[in-house]
């Protein structure tokens, strides 16, 4: 297996890539929005109510916002402080992958599972574009690991930690956590036939600690909504926060109340092809191999195998694909299970010296590396060209290291693991240090915040006259842009208005005059298009945002 020196060296490089991404400007909409919601908690010393742009926020529970607010309290209102909890819980998630892999298989599988988890593209992205999924994923896999440990070893501490972790996962995004945890445990019990583990007083202890973990979130929901039936959420009054989180949340998303994002029943299948890069092909091989093995065994119990990972993944894909509300990061919660399953497959190939599959996998990882290399050239020399010599030098050095390991004569499995990790390192170091900083120059809110700071414009005198989001501007100004009608604006002097092109014409048509104007390019950075990526057509993909001073 891989040496400890190489293993820990790769882990340190992965963490360095994570740290490099900490200082990237916050993305709109979700990252910047959630950061603003946590910032409000700190500024108003109100950690009970969730408020989104002045409106009551029911959709997601509180844990992610509490962790971000706690980080703000310690380190200050900085974008890197917002990302610290996500990085820490992701490392916890990696350790849980190691623990689950070791429990179900062996130590080598656990070590490789942690490495796969940390380098899966969607996990790296989740600590840069931070939403609730990093916290959800980490505590979900921790809970699954600990509950599986209880089933196998009947230890009290395992079910206590499992109960606490399940409660924290539930407090981060709601019912999806309990669904995945529940399916995982049922799959494990069904395969191992260890149902007797449920009939123990220790299970009641686990439930007690689950209740302890969710109590703060339930109290906050009760205080914000149940005690105030007059509050109107999505056109409906008399909303119960507790009923919502236990029952209505998933119904609203799967039933289309929250809107519809995709009718494609194969959305998550083709999404997986890119979010698990660079491990996609090994993962597909692993799933195919495990399905064939289980059918050969006719699903009879074999201590050399497990059904927890594959069963949970299959059921999740079926249920999630039927939902009307689909987004790529919804798959994050099962990425740890993919990591363990893939690691077990690769480890089996190594143990039994399966030369042909290893040769095929090595070829597949060279193929992934070539795709990554092509993407890097496209980004660095076409989309956003390198302007500093040092950037080109660093890229060349990293490529030389990768070429060295590609040409080095060593066991195939060592090259598979090393090349795969370096593919992730290459891609995400360029994204974090070059692509994202250049891309976010076209996010008007954060760019305009720099203007506000440089020009020393009073942040409490900035308004908007339309109902569009200003999350990035709100966060970097450390003050929300307040909404006022154009009629109300007419009676004010010496104020600033943040407007788009349509609003600028409205202001002009209303007869208002301004003596200063700052303009920034604007693009929805989370929705890349061919026109934007092409430098020659980029201008036509851009909009404009303006900050004008009313005399």
Protein backbone atom coordinates (compact mmCIF):
# COMPACT_ATOMS: atom_id res chain seq x y z
CA UNK A 1 0.00 0.00 0.00
CA UNK A 2 1.01 3.65 -0.22
CA UNK A 3 3.76 4.69 2.21
CA UNK A 4 2.92 6.88 5.19
CA UNK A 5 5.31 9.57 3.93
CA UNK A 6 3.57 9.85 0.57
CA UNK A 7 0.12 9.54 2.12
CA UNK A 8 0.63 12.36 4.61
CA UNK A 9 2.42 14.48 2.01
CA UNK A 10 -0.61 14.21 -0.27
CA UNK A 11 -2.95 15.06 2.61
CA UNK A 12 -0.91 18.15 3.46
CA UNK A 13 -1.02 19.31 -0.16
CA UNK A 14 -4.79 18.82 -0.23
CA UNK A 15 -5.17 20.91 2.93
CA UNK A 16 -2.98 23.63 1.38
CA UNK A 17 -5.32 23.77 -1.61
CA UNK A 18 -8.23 24.09 0.81
CA UNK A 19 -6.46 26.93 2.63
CA UNK A 20 -5.74 28.68 -0.68
CA UNK A 21 -9.47 28.69 -1.38
CA UNK A 22 -10.30 30.29 1.97
CA UNK A 23 -9.38 33.73 0.70
CA UNK A 24 -11.46 33.68 -2.48
CA UNK A 25 -14.29 36.23 -2.61
CA UNK A 26 -17.65 34.78 -1.56
CA UNK A 27 -19.86 33.50 -4.37
CA UNK A 28 -23.39 34.69 -4.95
CA UNK A 29 -25.96 33.60 -4.28
CA UNK A 30 -25.94 30.98 -1.50
CA UNK A 31 -22.48 31.47 0.03
CA UNK A 32 -22.79 35.24 0.25
CA UNK A 33 -26.44 35.00 1.33
CA UNK A 34 -25.72 32.57 4.17
CA UNK A 35 -22.73 34.64 5.26
CA UNK A 36 -24.95 37.73 5.47
CA UNK A 37 -27.52 35.80 7.52
CA UNK A 38 -24.81 34.69 9.96
CA UNK A 39 -23.37 38.22 10.01
CA UNK A 40 -26.76 39.59 11.06
CA UNK A 41 -26.81 37.17 13.99
CA UNK A 42 -23.52 38.58 15.23
CA UNK A 43 -24.32 42.24 14.57
CA UNK A 44 -27.75 42.09 16.23
CA UNK A 45 -26.77 39.50 18.85
CA UNK A 46 -29.79 37.44 17.78
CA UNK A 47 -28.97 33.75 17.39
CA UNK A 48 -32.56 32.51 17.49
CA UNK A 49 -34.16 34.05 14.41
CA UNK A 50 -33.10 33.25 10.87
CA UNK A 51 -33.64 36.30 8.65
CA UNK A 52 -33.00 36.49 4.92
CA UNK A 53 -32.94 40.04 3.60
CA UNK A 54 -35.40 41.23 6.23
CA UNK A 55 -37.78 38.29 5.68
CA UNK A 56 -38.41 35.31 7.94
CA UNK A 57 -36.39 32.29 6.78
CA UNK A 58 -37.94 28.85 7.27
CA UNK A 59 -36.27 26.68 4.62
CA UNK A 60 -33.16 25.40 6.42
CA UNK A 61 -32.36 24.85 10.10
CA UNK A 62 -29.80 26.73 12.11
CA UNK A 63 -26.57 24.80 12.65
CA UNK A 64 -24.64 26.04 9.62
CA UNK A 65 -25.49 29.65 10.47
CA UNK A 66 -24.57 29.19 14.13
CA UNK A 67 -21.17 27.75 13.21
CA UNK A 68 -20.49 30.61 10.77
CA UNK A 69 -21.63 33.18 13.34
CA UNK A 70 -19.41 31.57 15.99
CA UNK A 71 -16.45 31.82 13.62
CA UNK A 72 -17.29 35.48 12.94
CA UNK A 73 -17.39 36.11 16.68
CA UNK A 74 -13.89 34.71 17.09
CA UNK A 75 -12.13 35.89 13.95
CA UNK A 76 -14.21 38.80 12.66
CA UNK A 77 -16.44 39.35 9.63
CA UNK A 78 -14.16 37.95 6.95
CA UNK A 79 -14.83 35.59 4.06
CA UNK A 80 -12.07 33.24 5.24
CA UNK A 81 -13.66 33.11 8.70
CA UNK A 82 -16.94 32.03 7.10
CA UNK A 83 -15.15 29.06 5.49
CA UNK A 84 -13.31 27.80 8.58
CA UNK A 85 -16.20 25.65 9.95
CA UNK A 86 -16.69 24.04 6.52
CA UNK A 87 -13.02 23.05 6.29
CA UNK A 88 -12.94 21.69 9.86
CA UNK A 89 -16.08 19.57 9.46
CA UNK A 90 -14.86 18.32 6.07
CA UNK A 91 -11.70 17.04 7.76
CA UNK A 92 -13.99 15.38 10.31
CA UNK A 93 -15.89 13.84 7.40
CA UNK A 94 -12.62 12.49 5.96
CA UNK A 95 -11.74 10.92 9.31
CA UNK A 96 -15.21 9.36 9.43
CA UNK A 97 -14.65 7.91 5.94
CA UNK A 98 -11.43 6.42 7.28
CA UNK A 99 -13.29 5.01 10.28
CA UNK A 100 -16.13 3.52 8.23
CA UNK A 101 -13.75 2.05 5.64
CA UNK A 102 -11.66 0.49 8.39
CA UNK A 103 -14.75 -0.90 10.13
CA UNK A 104 -16.31 -2.43 7.01
CA UNK A 105 -13.05 -3.53 5.37
CA UNK A 106 -9.56 -2.70 6.67
CA UNK A 107 -7.17 0.14 7.51
CA UNK A 108 -5.87 0.53 3.96
CA UNK A 109 -9.41 0.92 2.64
CA UNK A 110 -10.12 3.54 5.29
CA UNK A 111 -7.00 5.55 4.46
CA UNK A 112 -7.76 5.51 0.75
CA UNK A 113 -11.43 6.41 1.38
CA UNK A 114 -10.36 9.55 3.26
CA UNK A 115 -8.06 10.53 0.39
CA UNK A 116 -10.79 9.96 -2.21
CA UNK A 117 -13.33 11.94 -0.19
CA UNK A 118 -11.05 14.97 0.24
CA UNK A 119 -10.17 15.13 -3.46
CA UNK A 120 -13.64 14.52 -4.95
CA UNK A 121 -14.41 17.71 -6.90
CA UNK A 122 -17.73 18.49 -5.25
CA UNK A 123 -16.19 18.20 -1.77
CA UNK A 124 -13.36 20.58 -2.68
CA UNK A 125 -15.94 22.98 -4.09
CA UNK A 126 -18.08 22.70 -0.94
CA UNK A 127 -15.34 24.31 1.19
CA UNK A 128 -14.98 27.18 -1.31
CA UNK A 129 -18.61 27.82 -2.28
CA UNK A 130 -19.80 27.09 1.26
CA UNK A 131 -23.43 26.16 1.79
CA UNK A 132 -25.07 23.88 4.35
CA UNK A 133 -23.80 20.72 2.63
CA UNK A 134 -20.33 20.58 4.20
CA UNK A 135 -21.80 20.38 7.71
CA UNK A 136 -24.55 18.02 6.58
CA UNK A 137 -22.15 15.63 4.84
CA UNK A 138 -19.63 15.49 7.69
CA UNK A 139 -22.10 14.79 10.48
CA UNK A 140 -24.08 12.33 8.34
CA UNK A 141 -21.06 10.11 7.63
CA UNK A 142 -19.93 10.43 11.26
CA UNK A 143 -23.34 9.22 12.38
CA UNK A 144 -23.39 6.33 9.90
CA UNK A 145 -19.90 5.24 10.99
CA UNK A 146 -20.77 5.34 14.67
CA UNK A 147 -24.12 3.57 14.28
CA UNK A 148 -22.46 0.86 12.17
CA UNK A 149 -19.81 0.53 14.87
CA UNK A 150 -22.54 0.05 17.46
CA UNK A 151 -24.17 -2.67 15.36
CA UNK A 152 -20.85 -4.50 15.03
CA UNK A 153 -19.43 -3.94 18.53
CA UNK A 154 -22.39 -2.83 20.70
CA UNK A 155 -20.36 -0.06 22.35
CA UNK A 156 -22.29 2.60 24.27
CA UNK A 157 -20.00 5.44 23.23
CA UNK A 158 -20.64 4.66 19.55
CA UNK A 159 -24.40 5.00 19.79
CA UNK A 160 -24.03 8.17 21.87
CA UNK A 161 -21.77 9.79 19.25
CA UNK A 162 -24.02 8.44 16.49
CA UNK A 163 -27.09 10.00 18.09
CA UNK A 164 -25.36 13.35 18.59
CA UNK A 165 -24.02 13.36 15.02
CA UNK A 166 -27.44 12.45 13.59
CA UNK A 167 -28.98 15.33 15.53
CA UNK A 168 -26.35 17.75 14.26
CA UNK A 169 -26.83 16.53 10.68
CA UNK A 170 -30.60 17.01 11.06
CA UNK A 171 -29.95 20.49 12.48
CA UNK A 172 -27.91 21.44 9.43
CA UNK A 173 -30.32 20.67 6.58
CA UNK A 174 -33.27 18.72 7.89
CA UNK A 175 -34.90 15.45 6.92
CA UNK A 176 -32.47 14.42 4.18
CA UNK A 177 -29.91 13.63 6.89
CA UNK A 178 -32.20 11.25 8.75
CA UNK A 179 -33.27 9.65 5.49
CA UNK A 180 -29.71 8.81 4.43
CA UNK A 181 -28.64 7.72 7.92
CA UNK A 182 -31.75 5.58 8.29
CA UNK A 183 -31.35 3.95 4.88
CA UNK A 184 -27.68 3.20 5.58
CA UNK A 185 -28.42 1.49 8.88
CA UNK A 186 -31.36 -0.48 7.47
CA UNK A 187 -29.20 -1.65 4.55
CA UNK A 188 -26.47 -2.75 6.98
CA UNK A 189 -28.90 -4.53 9.29
CA UNK A 190 -30.67 -6.21 6.37
CA UNK A 191 -27.42 -7.60 5.00
CA UNK A 192 -25.79 -8.62 8.30
CA UNK A 193 -29.06 -9.82 9.91
CA UNK A 194 -28.02 -8.21 13.19
CA UNK A 195 -31.48 -6.92 14.04
CA UNK A 196 -31.04 -7.87 17.68
CA UNK A 197 -28.79 -4.81 18.12
CA UNK A 198 -31.95 -2.68 18.02
CA UNK A 199 -33.42 -4.37 21.07
CA UNK A 200 -31.21 -2.80 23.69
CA UNK A 201 -31.47 -0.06 26.27
CA UNK A 202 -28.46 1.54 24.53
CA UNK A 203 -30.71 2.47 21.59
CA UNK A 204 -32.81 4.58 23.97
CA UNK A 205 -29.62 6.31 25.13
CA UNK A 206 -28.81 7.11 21.50
CA UNK A 207 -32.30 8.58 21.02
CA UNK A 208 -31.85 10.73 24.12
CA UNK A 209 -28.61 12.17 22.79
CA UNK A 210 -30.24 12.73 19.39
CA UNK A 211 -32.92 14.73 21.21
CA UNK A 212 -30.28 16.73 23.07
CA UNK A 213 -28.55 17.58 19.79
CA UNK A 214 -31.71 18.84 18.06
CA UNK A 215 -33.13 20.70 21.08
CA UNK A 216 -31.45 24.08 20.33
CA UNK A 217 -32.69 24.02 16.74
CA UNK A 218 -36.23 23.06 17.78
CA UNK A 219 -36.27 25.81 20.41
CA UNK A 220 -35.22 28.37 17.80
CA UNK A 221 -37.87 27.21 15.32
CA UNK A 222 -40.55 27.21 18.04
CA UNK A 223 -39.56 30.68 19.22
CA UNK A 224 -39.42 32.16 15.71
CA UNK A 225 -42.52 30.57 14.18
CA UNK A 226 -44.75 28.56 16.52
CA UNK A 227 -45.04 31.46 18.97
CA UNK A 228 -45.84 33.83 16.09
CA UNK A 229 -48.67 32.38 13.94
CA UNK A 230 -49.17 35.82 12.37
CA UNK A 231 -45.95 35.48 10.36
CA UNK A 232 -46.59 34.78 6.68
CA UNK A 233 -44.23 32.40 4.87
CA UNK A 234 -44.70 31.90 1.13
CA UNK A 235 -48.20 33.34 1.35
CA UNK A 236 -49.30 31.19 4.30
CA UNK A 237 -49.71 32.22 7.93
CA UNK A 238 -49.81 30.05 11.03
CA UNK A 239 -46.67 28.12 10.09
CA UNK A 240 -45.16 25.78 12.67
CA UNK A 241 -41.38 25.61 12.51
CA UNK A 242 -41.33 22.25 14.31
CA UNK A 243 -43.96 20.74 12.00
CA UNK A 244 -42.04 22.09 9.02
CA UNK A 245 -38.70 20.53 9.92
CA UNK A 246 -40.21 17.16 10.88
CA UNK A 247 -42.73 16.83 8.06
CA UNK A 248 -43.27 19.64 5.56
CA UNK A 249 -39.70 20.40 4.45
CA UNK A 250 -39.15 17.46 2.10
CA UNK A 251 -42.75 17.54 0.88
CA UNK A 252 -42.29 21.13 -0.25
CA UNK A 253 -39.12 20.33 -2.17
CA UNK A 254 -40.14 17.04 -3.73
CA UNK A 255 -43.67 18.26 -4.43
CA UNK A 256 -42.59 21.36 -6.32
CA UNK A 257 -43.66 24.02 -3.78
CA UNK A 258 -40.06 25.34 -3.82
CA UNK A 259 -40.08 25.35 -7.62
CA UNK A 260 -38.79 22.94 -10.23
CA UNK A 261 -35.15 22.74 -11.31
CA UNK A 262 -35.10 19.70 -13.59
CA UNK A 263 -37.48 17.12 -15.04
CA UNK A 264 -34.52 14.94 -16.05
CA UNK A 265 -34.76 11.67 -14.10
CA UNK A 266 -31.12 10.98 -14.97
CA UNK A 267 -29.93 14.37 -13.67
CA UNK A 268 -27.96 12.91 -10.76
CA UNK A 269 -26.47 10.15 -12.87
CA UNK A 270 -24.79 12.46 -15.37
CA UNK A 271 -24.04 15.04 -12.66
CA UNK A 272 -22.06 12.39 -10.79
CA UNK A 273 -19.72 12.07 -13.77
CA UNK A 274 -18.14 15.45 -13.01
CA UNK A 275 -18.68 15.96 -9.30
CA UNK A 276 -16.65 12.85 -8.38
CA UNK A 277 -13.69 13.72 -10.64
CA UNK A 278 -10.95 12.44 -10.54
CA UNK A 279 -12.41 9.19 -9.16
CA UNK A 280 -15.46 8.85 -11.43
CA UNK A 281 -14.28 5.90 -13.51
CA UNK A 282 -12.98 3.85 -10.54
CA UNK A 283 -16.31 4.54 -8.80
CA UNK A 284 -18.31 3.25 -11.77
CA UNK A 285 -16.12 0.15 -11.89
CA UNK A 286 -16.62 -0.32 -8.14
CA UNK A 287 -20.42 -0.09 -8.38
CA UNK A 288 -20.50 -2.54 -11.31
CA UNK A 289 -18.20 -4.99 -9.54
CA UNK A 290 -20.18 -4.86 -6.28
CA UNK A 291 -23.52 -5.35 -8.06
CA UNK A 292 -22.16 -8.41 -9.88
CA UNK A 293 -20.76 -9.85 -6.64
CA UNK A 294 -24.00 -9.39 -4.71
CA UNK A 295 -25.99 -11.11 -7.44
CA UNK A 296 -23.51 -13.99 -7.49
CA UNK A 297 -23.90 -14.30 -3.73
CA UNK A 298 -27.69 -13.96 -4.14
CA UNK A 299 -27.54 -11.27 -1.45
CA UNK A 300 -26.54 -13.82 1.20
CA UNK A 301 -24.30 -12.47 3.94
CA UNK A 302 -20.56 -12.66 3.32
CA UNK A 303 -18.27 -11.05 5.93
CA UNK A 304 -15.89 -9.94 3.15
CA UNK A 305 -18.54 -7.63 1.70
CA UNK A 306 -21.09 -5.08 2.86
CA UNK A 307 -24.31 -3.61 1.50
CA UNK A 308 -24.32 -0.36 3.48
CA UNK A 309 -22.60 1.78 0.84
CA UNK A 310 -24.10 0.39 -2.37
CA UNK A 311 -27.61 0.00 -0.94
CA UNK A 312 -27.73 3.55 0.41
CA UNK A 313 -26.36 5.01 -2.83
CA UNK A 314 -28.89 3.10 -4.96
CA UNK A 315 -31.90 4.03 -2.83
CA UNK A 316 -30.80 7.66 -2.59
CA UNK A 317 -30.40 7.94 -6.37
CA UNK A 318 -33.85 6.49 -7.00
CA UNK A 319 -35.63 8.72 -4.47
CA UNK A 320 -33.68 11.89 -5.32
CA UNK A 321 -34.25 11.38 -9.06
CA UNK A 322 -38.02 11.45 -8.49
CA UNK A 323 -37.81 14.86 -6.82
CA UNK A 324 -38.77 17.93 -8.82
CA UNK A 325 -36.06 19.99 -7.12
CA UNK A 326 -32.56 18.87 -8.14
CA UNK A 327 -29.19 20.56 -7.70
CA UNK A 328 -25.68 19.05 -8.10
CA UNK A 329 -24.62 19.57 -4.49
CA UNK A 330 -27.51 17.39 -3.29
CA UNK A 331 -25.23 14.44 -4.07
CA UNK A 332 -22.64 15.55 -1.51
CA UNK A 333 -24.31 13.61 1.28
CA UNK A 334 -23.54 10.24 -0.39
CA UNK A 335 -20.02 11.12 -1.58
CA UNK A 336 -18.45 9.58 1.57
CA UNK A 337 -20.19 6.30 0.76
CA UNK A 338 -18.91 6.45 -2.81
CA UNK A 339 -15.43 7.07 -1.36
CA UNK A 340 -15.58 3.97 0.85
CA UNK A 341 -17.02 1.80 -1.92
CA UNK A 342 -14.41 2.95 -4.45
CA UNK A 343 -11.57 2.54 -1.94
CA UNK A 344 -12.67 -1.03 -1.15
CA UNK A 345 -12.70 -1.91 -4.86
CA UNK A 346 -9.21 -0.49 -5.49
CA UNK A 347 -7.89 -2.17 -2.35
CA UNK A 348 -9.28 -5.54 -3.51
CA UNK A 349 -7.52 -5.13 -6.85
CA UNK A 350 -4.28 -4.50 -4.97
CA UNK A 351 -4.73 -7.39 -2.52
CA UNK A 352 -5.49 -9.94 -5.21
CA UNK A 353 -3.05 -8.40 -7.73
CA UNK A 354 -5.65 -8.01 -10.48
CA UNK A 355 -3.26 -6.83 -13.17
CA UNK A 356 -5.74 -6.22 -16.00
CA UNK A 357 -8.25 -4.10 -14.01
CA UNK A 358 -5.36 -2.14 -12.47
CA UNK A 359 -3.94 -1.51 -15.95
CA UNK A 360 -7.34 -0.32 -17.17
CA UNK A 361 -7.78 1.95 -14.13
CA UNK A 362 -4.32 3.42 -14.61
CA UNK A 363 -5.21 4.21 -18.21
CA UNK A 364 -8.48 5.79 -17.08
CA UNK A 365 -6.66 8.03 -14.60
CA UNK A 366 -4.21 9.13 -17.29
CA UNK A 367 -7.29 9.99 -19.35
CA UNK A 368 -8.75 12.05 -16.47
CA UNK A 369 -5.39 13.77 -16.03
CA UNK A 370 -5.34 14.66 -19.72
CA UNK A 371 -8.83 16.19 -19.43
CA UNK A 372 -7.75 18.19 -16.38
CA UNK A 373 -4.56 19.30 -18.16
CA UNK A 374 -6.58 20.43 -21.20
CA UNK A 375 -9.01 22.33 -18.95
CA UNK A 376 -6.08 24.04 -17.19
CA UNK A 377 -4.55 25.16 -20.49
CA UNK A 378 -7.97 26.43 -21.59
CA UNK A 379 -8.41 28.42 -18.36
CA UNK A 380 -4.89 29.80 -18.05
CA UNK A 381 -4.14 30.66 -21.66
CA UNK A 382 -7.55 31.42 -23.12
CA UNK A 383 -10.37 32.19 -20.64
CA UNK A 384 -8.30 34.23 -18.18
CA UNK A 385 -4.75 34.50 -19.44
CA UNK A 386 -1.86 34.41 -16.98
CA UNK A 387 -0.50 37.92 -16.50
CA UNK A 388 2.24 37.17 -13.96
CA UNK A 389 5.37 35.15 -14.72
CA UNK A 390 5.34 33.58 -11.25
CA UNK A 391 1.96 31.96 -12.00
CA UNK A 392 3.35 30.27 -15.10
CA UNK A 393 6.43 29.13 -13.19
CA UNK A 394 4.36 27.57 -10.41
CA UNK A 395 2.15 25.80 -12.95
CA UNK A 396 5.20 24.42 -14.76
CA UNK A 397 6.68 23.17 -11.47
CA UNK A 398 3.45 21.37 -10.55
CA UNK A 399 3.23 19.84 -14.03
CA UNK A 400 6.84 18.62 -13.76
CA UNK A 401 6.03 16.91 -10.45
CA UNK A 402 3.03 15.20 -12.06
CA UNK A 403 5.09 14.11 -15.08
CA UNK A 404 7.70 12.69 -12.72
CA UNK A 405 5.13 10.46 -11.02
CA UNK A 406 3.62 9.51 -14.38
CA UNK A 407 7.00 8.30 -15.67
CA UNK A 408 8.29 6.85 -12.40
CA UNK A 409 8.54 3.07 -12.49
CA UNK A 410 6.48 1.91 -9.54
CA UNK A 411 3.45 -0.27 -8.86
CA UNK A 412 0.36 0.57 -10.88
CA UNK A 413 -1.81 1.14 -7.81
CA UNK A 414 0.69 3.73 -6.51
CA UNK A 415 0.51 5.59 -9.79
CA UNK A 416 -3.31 5.34 -9.82
CA UNK A 417 -3.61 6.95 -6.39
CA UNK A 418 -0.84 9.52 -6.85
CA UNK A 419 -1.91 10.64 -10.33
CA UNK A 420 -5.56 10.88 -9.24
CA UNK A 421 -4.74 13.07 -6.24
CA UNK A 422 -2.41 15.26 -8.30
CA UNK A 423 -5.15 15.69 -10.91
CA UNK A 424 -7.34 17.16 -8.17
CA UNK A 425 -4.47 19.26 -6.82
CA UNK A 426 -3.67 20.63 -10.27
CA UNK A 427 -7.26 21.49 -11.10
CA UNK A 428 -8.19 23.06 -7.77
CA UNK A 429 -4.97 24.96 -7.20
CA UNK A 430 -5.55 26.70 -10.55
CA UNK A 431 -9.23 27.25 -9.75
CA UNK A 432 -8.56 28.65 -6.27
CA UNK A 433 -5.51 30.75 -7.08
CA UNK A 434 -6.36 31.94 -10.58
CA UNK A 435 -9.77 31.12 -12.06
CA UNK A 436 -12.05 32.05 -9.15
CA UNK A 437 -10.26 35.34 -8.35
CA UNK A 438 -10.49 36.36 -12.02
CA UNK A 439 -14.10 35.16 -12.34
CA UNK A 440 -15.24 37.05 -9.25
CA UNK A 441 -14.00 40.32 -10.67
CA UNK A 442 -17.24 40.11 -12.67
CA UNK A 443 -19.41 39.84 -9.55
CA UNK A 444 -20.57 43.42 -9.22
CA UNK A 445 -21.56 43.27 -5.54
CA UNK A 446 -18.10 42.41 -4.24
CA UNK A 447 -16.38 44.67 -6.80
CA UNK A 448 -18.62 47.60 -5.86
CA UNK A 449 -17.88 46.99 -2.18
CA UNK A 450 -14.22 47.72 -2.96
CA UNK A 451 -15.30 51.01 -4.56
CA UNK A 452 -17.38 51.86 -1.49
CA UNK A 453 -14.39 51.24 0.74
CA UNK A 454 -11.92 53.16 -1.43
CA UNK A 455 -14.27 56.14 -1.85
CA UNK A 456 -15.27 56.03 1.84
CA UNK A 457 -18.96 56.02 0.94
CA UNK A 458 -21.23 55.73 4.03
CA UNK A 459 -22.66 52.20 3.86
CA UNK A 460 -25.80 53.21 5.77
CA UNK A 461 -26.65 55.68 3.01
CA UNK A 462 -26.82 53.11 0.19
CA UNK A 463 -30.28 52.00 -1.04
CA UNK A 464 -31.82 49.97 -3.85
CA UNK A 465 -35.16 50.64 -5.54
CA UNK A 466 -35.81 47.15 -6.95
CA UNK A 467 -36.16 43.78 -5.29
CA UNK A 468 -32.88 42.18 -6.39
CA UNK A 469 -30.34 40.53 -4.09
CA UNK A 470 -27.19 42.34 -3.02
CA UNK A 471 -25.60 39.64 -0.83
CA UNK A 472 -21.97 40.20 -1.78
CA UNK A 473 -22.28 43.97 -1.43
CA UNK A 474 -24.07 43.50 1.91
CA UNK A 475 -21.36 41.24 3.30
CA UNK A 476 -18.31 43.19 2.19
CA UNK A 477 -19.93 46.48 3.25
CA UNK A 478 -20.75 44.80 6.60
CA UNK A 479 -24.15 46.43 6.19
CA UNK A 480 -27.25 45.40 4.20
CA UNK A 481 -28.43 47.58 1.32
CA UNK A 482 -31.92 48.70 2.30
CA UNK A 483 -34.86 48.80 -0.10
CA UNK A 484 -36.82 51.99 -0.69
CA UNK A 485 -39.36 52.88 -3.32
CA UNK A 486 -38.43 55.40 -5.98
CA UNK A 487 -41.11 57.69 -4.59
CA UNK A 488 -39.47 57.62 -1.15
CA UNK A 489 -36.07 58.25 -2.69
CA UNK A 490 -37.30 61.50 -4.26
CA UNK A 491 -37.54 63.12 -0.88
CA UNK A 492 -33.97 62.35 0.11
CA UNK A 493 -30.71 64.15 -0.54
CA UNK A 494 -27.06 63.11 -0.30
CA UNK A 495 -27.75 59.40 -0.65
CA UNK A 496 -26.45 56.61 -2.86
CA UNK A 497 -28.54 54.22 -4.95
CA UNK A 498 -27.34 50.82 -6.19
CA UNK A 499 -29.07 50.21 -9.52
CA UNK A 500 -29.01 48.11 -12.67
CA UNK A 501 -29.49 49.56 -16.15
CA UNK A 502 -33.30 49.41 -15.93
CA UNK A 503 -33.35 51.16 -12.56
CA UNK A 504 -30.91 53.79 -13.83
CA UNK A 505 -33.40 54.71 -16.56
CA UNK A 506 -36.20 54.81 -13.95
CA UNK A 507 -34.19 57.23 -11.84
CA UNK A 508 -33.49 59.40 -14.86
CA UNK A 509 -37.14 59.35 -15.99
CA UNK A 510 -38.21 60.38 -12.48
CA UNK A 511 -36.22 63.58 -12.87
CA UNK A 512 -33.60 62.76 -10.26
CA UNK A 513 -30.09 64.02 -10.83
CA UNK A 514 -26.80 62.55 -9.67
CA UNK A 515 -23.30 63.96 -9.57
CA UNK A 516 -21.24 60.78 -9.14
CA UNK A 517 -21.53 57.36 -10.74
CA UNK A 518 -19.48 54.18 -10.36
CA UNK A 519 -20.10 51.28 -12.71
CA UNK A 520 -19.04 47.64 -12.43
CA UNK A 521 -19.45 44.69 -14.75
CA UNK A 522 -21.85 42.04 -13.49
CA UNK A 523 -22.27 38.36 -14.31
CA UNK A 524 -23.99 35.47 -12.54
CA UNK A 525 -20.76 33.67 -11.71
CA UNK A 526 -22.44 30.39 -10.76
CA UNK A 527 -23.88 30.01 -14.30
CA UNK A 528 -20.96 29.93 -16.73
CA UNK A 529 -21.81 30.25 -20.41
CA UNK A 530 -19.94 29.82 -23.68
CA UNK A 531 -20.22 33.55 -24.41
CA UNK A 532 -18.69 34.48 -21.07
CA UNK A 533 -15.80 32.00 -21.27
CA UNK A 534 -14.90 33.29 -24.72
CA UNK A 535 -12.92 36.54 -24.23
CA UNK A 536 -14.04 37.87 -27.62
CA UNK A 537 -17.76 37.55 -26.75
CA UNK A 538 -17.57 38.14 -23.02
CA UNK A 539 -18.80 41.71 -23.17
CA UNK A 540 -22.19 40.71 -24.55
CA UNK A 541 -22.67 38.28 -21.64
CA UNK A 542 -22.13 41.02 -19.07
CA UNK A 543 -24.58 43.34 -17.40
CA UNK A 544 -23.82 46.55 -15.54
CA UNK A 545 -24.46 47.67 -11.98
CA UNK A 546 -24.18 51.30 -10.95
CA UNK A 547 -23.75 53.20 -7.72
CA UNK A 548 -25.00 56.77 -8.10
CA UNK A 549 -24.99 59.71 -5.70
CA UNK A 550 -28.22 61.70 -5.51
CA UNK A 551 -27.50 65.35 -4.80
